[in-house]
C-alpha atoms as a PDB file:
ATOM      1  CA  MET A   1       0.000   0.000   0.000  1.00  0.00           C
ATOM      2  CA  LYS A   2       1.230   3.500  -0.783  1.00  0.00           C
ATOM      3  CA  LEU A   3       0.746   6.360   1.640  1.00  0.00           C
ATOM      4  CA  ASN A   4       1.142  10.061   1.181  1.00  0.00           C
ATOM      5  CA  LEU A   5       2.295  11.570   4.470  1.00  0.00           C
ATOM      6  CA  LEU A   6       0.839  15.067   4.428  1.00  0.00           C
ATOM      7  CA  SER A   7       1.932  16.768   7.641  1.00  0.00           C
ATOM      8  CA  CYS A   8       2.786  16.359  11.300  1.00  0.00           C
ATOM      9  CA  ASP A   9       0.524  18.270  13.684  1.00  0.00           C
ATOM     10  CA  ALA A  10       2.429  17.504  16.882  1.00  0.00           C
ATOM     11  CA  HIS A  11       3.340  20.525  19.009  1.00  0.00           C
ATOM     12  CA  ARG A  12       6.914  19.259  19.389  1.00  0.00           C
ATOM     13  CA  PRO A  13       7.480  16.495  16.814  1.00  0.00           C
ATOM     14  CA  ASP A  14       9.979  13.791  17.731  1.00  0.00           C
ATOM     15  CA  ARG A  15      12.210  13.457  14.653  1.00  0.00           C
ATOM     16  CA  ARG A  16      13.826  10.265  15.900  1.00  0.00           C
ATOM     17  CA  ALA A  17      10.506   8.559  16.599  1.00  0.00           C
ATOM     18  CA  ILE A  18       9.127   9.549  13.190  1.00  0.00           C
ATOM     19  CA  SER A  19      12.234   8.248  11.393  1.00  0.00           C
ATOM     20  CA  LYS A  20      12.141   5.006  13.365  1.00  0.00           C
ATOM     21  CA  CYS A  21       8.457   4.552  12.545  1.00  0.00           C
ATOM     22  CA  MET A  22       9.131   5.032   8.817  1.00  0.00           C
ATOM     23  CA  VAL A  23      11.871   2.400   8.893  1.00  0.00           C
ATOM     24  CA  GLU A  24       9.643  -0.061  10.748  1.00  0.00           C
ATOM     25  CA  ILE A  25       6.564   0.282   8.536  1.00  0.00           C
ATOM     26  CA  SER A  26       8.296   0.430   5.160  1.00  0.00           C
ATOM     27  CA  SER A  27      11.391  -0.909   3.459  1.00  0.00           C
ATOM     28  CA  ILE A  28      13.504   2.262   3.519  1.00  0.00           C
ATOM     29  CA  SER A  29      16.896   2.795   5.108  1.00  0.00           C
ATOM     30  CA  GLY A  30      17.551   4.854   8.197  1.00  0.00           C
ATOM     31  CA  SER A  31      19.293   7.651   6.325  1.00  0.00           C
ATOM     32  CA  LEU A  32      16.440   7.944   3.823  1.00  0.00           C
ATOM     33  CA  ALA A  33      13.951   7.969   6.697  1.00  0.00           C
ATOM     34  CA  ASN A  34      15.866  10.857   8.288  1.00  0.00           C
ATOM     35  CA  GLU A  35      15.730  12.825   5.022  1.00  0.00           C
ATOM     36  CA  LEU A  36      12.021  12.119   4.557  1.00  0.00           C
ATOM     37  CA  THR A  37      11.338  13.156   8.156  1.00  0.00           C
ATOM     38  CA  ASP A  38      13.060  16.484   7.576  1.00  0.00           C
ATOM     39  CA  ILE A  39      11.044  17.019   4.396  1.00  0.00           C
ATOM     40  CA  LEU A  40       7.793  16.147   6.178  1.00  0.00           C
ATOM     41  CA  LEU A  41       8.496  18.474   9.100  1.00  0.00           C
ATOM     42  CA  GLU A  42       9.326  21.318   6.716  1.00  0.00           C
ATOM     43  CA  GLY A  43       5.767  21.060   5.422  1.00  0.00           C
ATOM     44  CA  ASP A  44       6.087  19.038   2.214  1.00  0.00           C
ATOM     45  CA  ALA A  45       4.251  15.773   1.578  1.00  0.00           C
ATOM     46  CA  VAL A  46       6.187  12.491   1.435  1.00  0.00           C
ATOM     47  CA  ASP A  47       5.230   9.239  -0.338  1.00  0.00           C
ATOM     48  CA  ILE A  48       6.152   5.894   1.216  1.00  0.00           C
ATOM     49  CA  GLU A  49       5.194   2.303   0.530  1.00  0.00           C
ATOM     50  CA  VAL A  50       3.976   0.302   3.516  1.00  0.00           C
ATOM     51  CA  ASP A  51       4.232  -3.465   3.897  1.00  0.00           C
ATOM     52  CA  ASP A  52       0.720  -4.875   3.463  1.00  0.00           C
ATOM     53  CA  LYS A  53       0.997  -7.402   6.289  1.00  0.00           C
ATOM     54  CA  ASN A  54       0.957  -4.743   9.047  1.00  0.00           C
ATOM     55  CA  THR A  55      -1.254  -2.068   7.554  1.00  0.00           C
ATOM     56  CA  ALA A  56      -3.452  -1.437  10.609  1.00  0.00           C
ATOM     57  CA  THR A  57      -0.448  -1.292  12.929  1.00  0.00           C
ATOM     58  CA  SER A  58       1.348   1.103  10.576  1.00  0.00           C
ATOM     59  CA  LEU A  59      -1.596   3.475  10.361  1.00  0.00           C
ATOM     60  CA  ARG A  60      -2.026   3.430  14.143  1.00  0.00           C
ATOM     61  CA  ALA A  61       1.668   4.278  14.619  1.00  0.00           C
ATOM     62  CA  LEU A  62       1.367   7.256  12.273  1.00  0.00           C
ATOM     63  CA  ARG A  63      -1.719   8.535  14.104  1.00  0.00           C
ATOM     64  CA  LYS A  64       0.118   8.268  17.452  1.00  0.00           C
ATOM     65  CA  LEU A  65       2.833  10.532  16.045  1.00  0.00           C
ATOM     66  CA  SER A  66       0.163  13.046  14.857  1.00  0.00           C
ATOM     67  CA  ILE A  67       1.019  12.448  11.204  1.00  0.00           C
ATOM     68  CA  ASP A  68      -1.765  13.137   8.723  1.00  0.00           C
ATOM     69  CA  TYR A  69      -1.779  10.766   5.767  1.00  0.00           C
ATOM     70  CA  GLU A  70      -3.824   9.698   2.788  1.00  0.00           C
ATOM     71  CA  ILE A  71      -3.956   6.253   1.241  1.00  0.00           C
ATOM     72  CA  ILE A  72      -2.944   6.281  -2.438  1.00  0.00           C
ATOM     73  CA  GLU A  73      -3.283   2.571  -3.230  1.00  0.00           C
END
């Protein structure tokens, strides 16, 4: 499944937790997750592909981090 991460509405977003979440729910490297986290927190949308086996868990993790997303596929 593809997700478009739109924004992070947390008052004080935890960059490390967001990066770690991206690595856990998708098949990207840690350095790419750090870059995508910076892009997301600057206000731009980010596309990631999520492993289908843990979709509900992945979406719950994003909601806990106050990340708004939309499902593309």
